[in-house]
Amino acid sequence: MKALVFPGQGSQSVGMCRDLYETVPTVRDTYTEAAAVLGYDIATLSFEGPVEQLSQTDVTQPALLVAEVATLRAARERGLVFDCALGHSLGEYTALVAAGALSFGAAVDLVRRRGAAMQAAATRHPGGMLAVLGLDDEVVEGLCDAVDGTWPANYNCPGQVVVSGTAEGLEAMAGRAVQAGARKVVRLPVSGAFHSPHMAAAAAELAPALEQAEWSAPARRFFSVSTVGFFDGGRPPSFAALLTGQITAPVRFTQAVRALVAAGCDAFLEVGPGAVLSGLIKRITRDATVDRVGDAETLAALADGWVGR
């Protein structure tokens, strides 16, 4: 089984996808299509910045989605084949586009709304995120239980859990984690306590748009990182309910990769900017190959196993 995996916030960078834009007509068409939905030139923001604006979650989210779908379309023109798709947080929207459950235009609109709602929620409920390195998941969960205003947000790989929380909670968490033997704690440059109860208002605001979106039965299998299982949207909870709950639920990436490997997945391809997820997958399992495609060079070098049958 071959799985495409799509990154979330943190993988963006000024200039992402620019070389593909300059060389692949389909990529340019993708950016033009997105601009018509967004009402602004997402290509210029993505390629030229400034980085401060590109790093704002209401801009980051559509910019990443567009870069990922553009790269996916370019790879498909080369004959890309795959069996299932999954994504890290925001990347689940791209995975649903890849699986055929959601149109690109609808995804751009939903992600635009999602980013704006999350930015507003972060303004109303200030907070942040802290990466805790070198502790078992259960230890971090216990620390979150003990420290008010902190929650496990991202299970990225063994020994790397990201915690969301209030400023006071994260300060206390940093000290407790070091005392518990953490190798390192790092405050992340994000604007809110994502994937935590602080995002409840964002989930409520986005829910009607998700319910009204046009969903289709996926042509490829979609694997939910929130529920850690294949999900077809054909029975409760729906795709809309899944993505509403995703905003406040932790990202269980470690568990998702392990479950996919146990189900027979032996190859992962990270599609989009950077190589964050490729590195995480290599730390999670040695029982699958890991490749990536995110620029003209990696597109040209796309492994034979991903092209044709």
Protein backbone atom coordinates (compact mmCIF):
# COMPACT_ATOMS: atom_id res chain seq x y z
CA MET A 1 0.00 0.00 0.00
CA LYS A 2 1.26 3.46 -0.95
CA ALA A 3 0.24 6.53 1.07
CA LEU A 4 0.51 10.22 0.26
CA VAL A 5 1.07 12.43 3.28
CA PHE A 6 0.51 16.18 3.39
CA PRO A 7 2.12 18.58 5.89
CA GLY A 8 0.51 21.28 8.01
CA GLN A 9 1.62 24.59 9.44
CA GLY A 10 5.35 24.83 10.04
CA SER A 11 6.31 23.55 6.60
CA GLN A 12 5.74 26.88 4.85
CA SER A 13 8.59 29.06 3.61
CA VAL A 14 8.89 32.09 1.37
CA GLY A 15 9.53 30.84 -2.17
CA MET A 16 7.80 27.48 -1.73
CA CYS A 17 6.61 25.96 -5.01
CA ARG A 18 8.08 28.84 -7.04
CA ASP A 19 10.22 26.68 -9.33
CA LEU A 20 7.23 24.46 -10.11
CA TYR A 21 5.14 27.56 -10.80
CA GLU A 22 7.74 28.78 -13.27
CA THR A 23 8.05 25.47 -15.13
CA VAL A 24 4.71 23.61 -14.90
CA PRO A 25 1.58 25.18 -16.46
CA THR A 26 -0.74 23.12 -14.25
CA VAL A 27 0.85 24.67 -11.17
CA ARG A 28 0.29 28.18 -12.50
CA ASP A 29 -3.33 27.30 -13.25
CA THR A 30 -3.74 26.05 -9.68
CA TYR A 31 -2.55 29.36 -8.23
CA THR A 32 -4.83 31.28 -10.59
CA GLU A 33 -7.79 29.15 -9.53
CA ALA A 34 -6.99 29.74 -5.85
CA ALA A 35 -6.63 33.50 -6.30
CA ALA A 36 -10.14 33.66 -7.76
CA VAL A 37 -11.52 32.04 -4.60
CA LEU A 38 -9.37 33.97 -2.12
CA GLY A 39 -9.65 37.37 -3.75
CA TYR A 40 -5.92 38.07 -3.54
CA ASP A 41 -2.68 36.97 -5.21
CA ILE A 42 -1.58 34.00 -3.12
CA ALA A 43 1.31 33.31 -5.52
CA THR A 44 3.08 36.61 -4.81
CA LEU A 45 2.62 36.18 -1.05
CA SER A 46 3.99 32.62 -1.25
CA PHE A 47 6.96 33.46 -3.44
CA GLU A 48 7.96 36.89 -2.11
CA GLY A 49 6.51 37.14 1.39
CA PRO A 50 7.03 38.99 3.62
CA VAL A 51 7.63 36.06 5.95
CA GLU A 52 5.73 37.79 8.77
CA GLN A 53 2.56 37.85 6.68
CA LEU A 54 3.04 34.34 5.31
CA SER A 55 3.41 33.11 8.91
CA GLN A 56 -0.01 34.42 9.96
CA THR A 57 -2.28 31.41 10.23
CA ASP A 58 -5.03 32.97 8.10
CA VAL A 59 -2.49 33.26 5.25
CA THR A 60 -0.36 30.21 6.00
CA GLN A 61 -3.24 27.77 5.72
CA PRO A 62 -4.45 28.61 2.20
CA ALA A 63 -0.86 29.11 1.02
CA LEU A 64 0.13 25.62 2.12
CA LEU A 65 -3.00 24.01 0.71
CA VAL A 66 -2.42 25.61 -2.69
CA ALA A 67 1.26 24.62 -2.75
CA GLU A 68 0.40 21.04 -1.84
CA VAL A 69 -2.40 20.66 -4.40
CA ALA A 70 -0.25 22.29 -7.09
CA THR A 71 2.55 19.82 -6.35
CA LEU A 72 0.09 16.93 -6.30
CA ARG A 73 -1.29 17.90 -9.71
CA ALA A 74 2.21 18.18 -11.16
CA ALA A 75 3.08 14.74 -9.80
CA ARG A 76 -0.12 13.26 -11.19
CA GLU A 77 0.80 14.54 -14.62
CA ARG A 78 3.97 12.49 -14.28
CA GLY A 79 1.88 9.39 -13.57
CA LEU A 80 1.76 9.39 -9.77
CA VAL A 81 -0.17 6.46 -8.30
CA PHE A 82 -1.20 5.91 -4.70
CA ASP A 83 -3.68 3.99 -2.59
CA CYS A 84 -4.53 6.30 0.28
CA ALA A 85 -3.94 9.80 1.65
CA LEU A 86 -3.48 11.35 5.07
CA GLY A 87 -2.44 14.73 6.39
CA HIS A 88 -1.04 16.43 9.47
CA SER A 89 -3.67 18.89 10.77
CA LEU A 90 -4.26 21.32 7.87
CA GLY A 91 -2.86 18.63 5.56
CA GLU A 92 -6.04 16.60 6.06
CA TYR A 93 -7.82 19.04 3.74
CA THR A 94 -5.28 18.37 0.99
CA ALA A 95 -5.59 14.65 1.66
CA LEU A 96 -9.35 14.88 1.13
CA VAL A 97 -8.78 16.71 -2.17
CA ALA A 98 -6.29 14.01 -3.19
CA ALA A 99 -8.75 11.28 -2.24
CA GLY A 100 -11.49 12.89 -4.32
CA ALA A 101 -13.83 13.70 -1.41
CA LEU A 102 -13.57 17.50 -1.74
CA SER A 103 -13.02 19.82 -4.69
CA PHE A 104 -10.00 22.11 -4.71
CA GLY A 105 -12.12 25.26 -4.87
CA ALA A 106 -14.20 24.17 -1.88
CA ALA A 107 -11.05 23.28 0.05
CA VAL A 108 -9.51 26.71 -0.59
CA ASP A 109 -12.65 28.41 0.71
CA LEU A 110 -12.88 26.17 3.78
CA VAL A 111 -9.22 26.60 4.64
CA ARG A 112 -9.52 30.37 4.23
CA ARG A 113 -12.39 30.31 6.72
CA ARG A 114 -10.53 27.91 9.02
CA GLY A 115 -7.44 30.10 9.15
CA ALA A 116 -9.45 33.24 9.88
CA ALA A 117 -11.50 31.50 12.58
CA MET A 118 -8.40 30.07 14.27
CA GLN A 119 -6.65 33.44 14.17
CA ALA A 120 -9.69 35.08 15.78
CA ALA A 121 -9.89 32.37 18.45
CA ALA A 122 -6.19 32.79 19.19
CA THR A 123 -6.71 36.53 19.65
CA ARG A 124 -9.60 35.95 22.05
CA HIS A 125 -7.77 33.23 23.97
CA PRO A 126 -4.02 33.92 23.83
CA GLY A 127 -1.75 30.92 24.09
CA GLY A 128 1.00 29.04 22.34
CA MET A 129 2.63 25.67 21.76
CA LEU A 130 5.66 23.95 23.27
CA ALA A 131 7.56 21.00 21.79
CA VAL A 132 8.68 18.52 24.44
CA LEU A 133 11.53 16.28 23.30
CA GLY A 134 12.78 13.11 24.92
CA LEU A 135 9.80 12.03 27.03
CA ASP A 136 7.33 9.19 26.47
CA ASP A 137 3.83 10.17 25.41
CA GLU A 138 2.38 8.95 28.70
CA VAL A 139 4.74 11.12 30.71
CA VAL A 140 3.75 14.23 28.76
CA GLU A 141 0.08 13.36 29.16
CA GLY A 142 0.59 13.06 32.90
CA LEU A 143 2.29 16.45 33.01
CA CYS A 144 -0.61 18.00 31.11
CA ASP A 145 -3.02 16.50 33.64
CA ALA A 146 -0.97 18.09 36.42
CA VAL A 147 -0.48 21.55 34.85
CA ASP A 148 -3.59 23.67 34.41
CA GLY A 149 -4.12 25.15 30.97
CA THR A 150 -2.05 22.63 28.99
CA TRP A 151 -3.09 19.88 26.58
CA PRO A 152 -1.27 17.37 24.31
CA ALA A 153 -1.71 18.77 20.78
CA ASN A 154 0.58 16.89 18.38
CA TYR A 155 1.98 13.38 18.77
CA ASN A 156 4.64 13.82 16.09
CA CYS A 157 6.97 10.86 16.64
CA PRO A 158 8.35 8.86 19.57
CA GLY A 159 9.89 11.31 22.00
CA GLN A 160 8.30 14.39 20.41
CA VAL A 161 4.99 15.69 21.69
CA VAL A 162 3.78 19.25 21.19
CA VAL A 163 1.75 20.77 24.02
CA SER A 164 -0.74 23.63 23.61
CA GLY A 165 -1.67 25.96 26.43
CA THR A 166 -1.79 29.33 28.08
CA ALA A 167 1.43 31.31 28.52
CA GLU A 168 1.44 30.51 32.24
CA GLY A 169 0.67 26.86 31.63
CA LEU A 170 3.44 26.45 29.07
CA GLU A 171 5.96 28.14 31.34
CA ALA A 172 5.09 25.70 34.10
CA MET A 173 5.10 22.80 31.63
CA ALA A 174 8.60 23.68 30.43
CA GLY A 175 9.96 23.50 33.96
CA ARG A 176 8.09 20.30 34.82
CA ALA A 177 9.20 18.62 31.59
CA VAL A 178 12.87 19.38 32.23
CA GLN A 179 12.51 18.06 35.78
CA ALA A 180 10.95 14.88 34.34
CA GLY A 181 13.98 14.34 32.11
CA ALA A 182 13.06 16.04 28.85
CA ARG A 183 16.05 16.43 26.57
CA LYS A 184 14.79 19.77 25.30
CA VAL A 185 11.73 22.04 25.32
CA VAL A 186 11.12 24.53 22.52
CA ARG A 187 8.47 27.25 22.25
CA LEU A 188 7.06 27.18 18.72
CA PRO A 189 6.58 30.37 16.68
CA VAL A 190 2.80 30.05 16.39
CA SER A 191 0.04 32.50 17.23
CA GLY A 192 -2.23 30.29 19.31
CA ALA A 193 -2.90 27.16 21.32
CA PHE A 194 -3.97 25.08 18.33
CA HIS A 195 -5.60 21.65 18.68
CA SER A 196 -6.82 22.48 22.16
CA PRO A 197 -10.02 23.71 23.84
CA HIS A 198 -8.83 27.26 23.07
CA MET A 199 -9.97 26.62 19.50
CA ALA A 200 -13.57 25.73 20.42
CA ALA A 201 -14.89 29.02 19.06
CA ALA A 202 -13.11 28.40 15.75
CA ALA A 203 -14.67 24.95 15.49
CA ALA A 204 -18.13 26.37 16.13
CA GLU A 205 -17.61 29.12 13.56
CA LEU A 206 -16.36 26.74 10.86
CA ALA A 207 -18.94 23.99 11.42
CA PRO A 208 -21.75 25.48 9.27
CA ALA A 209 -19.45 25.96 6.27
CA LEU A 210 -18.22 22.39 6.60
CA GLU A 211 -21.80 21.11 6.76
CA GLN A 212 -22.77 23.09 3.66
CA ALA A 213 -19.76 21.99 1.60
CA GLU A 214 -20.29 19.45 -1.17
CA TRP A 215 -18.70 16.14 -0.19
CA SER A 216 -18.17 13.10 -2.42
CA ALA A 217 -17.39 9.47 -1.80
CA PRO A 218 -13.58 9.28 -1.95
CA ALA A 219 -12.04 7.60 -5.00
CA ARG A 220 -8.94 6.79 -2.93
CA ARG A 221 -8.93 5.83 0.72
CA PHE A 222 -8.62 8.62 3.29
CA PHE A 223 -6.92 7.91 6.61
CA SER A 224 -7.87 10.19 9.49
CA VAL A 225 -5.03 11.24 11.78
CA SER A 226 -7.61 12.44 14.32
CA THR A 227 -9.43 9.12 14.66
CA VAL A 228 -6.47 6.94 13.56
CA GLY A 229 -8.42 4.94 11.01
CA PHE A 230 -9.71 4.82 7.44
CA PHE A 231 -12.72 7.07 7.02
CA ASP A 232 -15.14 7.27 4.09
CA GLY A 233 -17.55 9.93 5.38
CA GLY A 234 -20.52 7.78 4.48
CA ARG A 235 -21.73 7.25 8.03
CA PRO A 236 -21.70 9.37 11.18
CA PRO A 237 -19.50 11.15 11.93
CA SER A 238 -19.42 12.85 8.53
CA PHE A 239 -16.39 14.53 6.97
CA ALA A 240 -17.84 17.83 8.24
CA ALA A 241 -18.06 16.52 11.79
CA LEU A 242 -14.58 15.03 11.53
CA LEU A 243 -13.01 18.33 10.45
CA THR A 244 -14.97 20.30 13.03
CA GLY A 245 -13.69 18.07 15.81
CA GLN A 246 -10.19 18.08 14.36
CA ILE A 247 -9.67 21.74 15.30
CA THR A 248 -9.73 21.00 19.04
CA ALA A 249 -8.47 17.39 18.93
CA PRO A 250 -4.82 16.31 19.10
CA VAL A 251 -2.98 15.29 15.93
CA ARG A 252 -2.10 11.62 16.43
CA PHE A 253 0.50 11.35 13.70
CA THR A 254 2.67 8.75 15.44
CA GLN A 255 -0.29 6.46 15.98
CA ALA A 256 -1.59 7.00 12.43
CA VAL A 257 1.69 6.02 10.77
CA ARG A 258 2.00 2.92 12.95
CA ALA A 259 -1.59 1.91 12.19
CA LEU A 260 -1.08 2.34 8.44
CA VAL A 261 2.08 0.25 8.50
CA ALA A 262 0.23 -2.43 10.45
CA ALA A 263 -2.49 -2.32 7.76
CA GLY A 264 0.08 -3.01 5.03
CA CYS A 265 1.41 0.41 4.04
CA ASP A 266 5.03 0.05 2.96
CA ALA A 267 5.64 3.40 1.22
CA PHE A 268 4.99 7.03 2.13
CA LEU A 269 5.36 10.07 -0.14
CA GLU A 270 5.35 13.52 1.44
CA VAL A 271 3.79 15.99 -1.00
CA GLY A 272 4.42 19.70 -0.53
CA PRO A 273 6.98 22.09 0.93
CA GLY A 274 9.75 20.88 3.21
CA ALA A 275 10.54 17.48 4.60
CA VAL A 276 9.16 17.67 8.14
CA LEU A 277 6.86 14.67 7.87
CA SER A 278 9.45 12.56 6.04
CA GLY A 279 11.77 12.99 9.00
CA LEU A 280 9.04 12.12 11.48
CA ILE A 281 7.99 8.98 9.59
CA LYS A 282 11.58 7.74 9.54
CA ARG A 283 11.63 8.07 13.33
CA ILE A 284 8.32 6.26 13.69
CA THR A 285 8.97 3.20 11.50
CA ARG A 286 11.69 1.38 9.63
CA ASP A 287 9.19 -0.85 7.85
CA ALA A 288 8.32 1.56 5.03
CA THR A 289 10.15 3.61 2.44
CA VAL A 290 9.85 7.40 2.65
CA ASP A 291 10.11 9.76 -0.33
CA ARG A 292 9.10 13.35 -0.93
CA VAL A 293 8.13 15.65 -3.78
CA GLY A 294 7.96 19.39 -3.29
CA ASP A 295 9.94 21.15 -6.01
CA ALA A 296 11.14 20.73 -9.58
CA GLU A 297 14.16 18.65 -8.56
CA THR A 298 12.23 16.12 -6.48
CA LEU A 299 9.46 16.00 -9.10
CA ALA A 300 11.99 15.05 -11.78
CA ALA A 301 13.51 12.45 -9.46
CA LEU A 302 10.18 10.92 -8.38
CA ALA A 303 10.91 7.29 -7.61
CA ASP A 304 9.78 4.71 -10.16
CA GLY A 305 7.66 3.00 -7.52
CA TRP A 306 5.39 6.04 -7.43
CA VAL A 307 4.92 6.30 -11.20
CA GLY A 308 2.72 3.79 -13.02
CA ARG A 309 1.93 0.30 -11.80
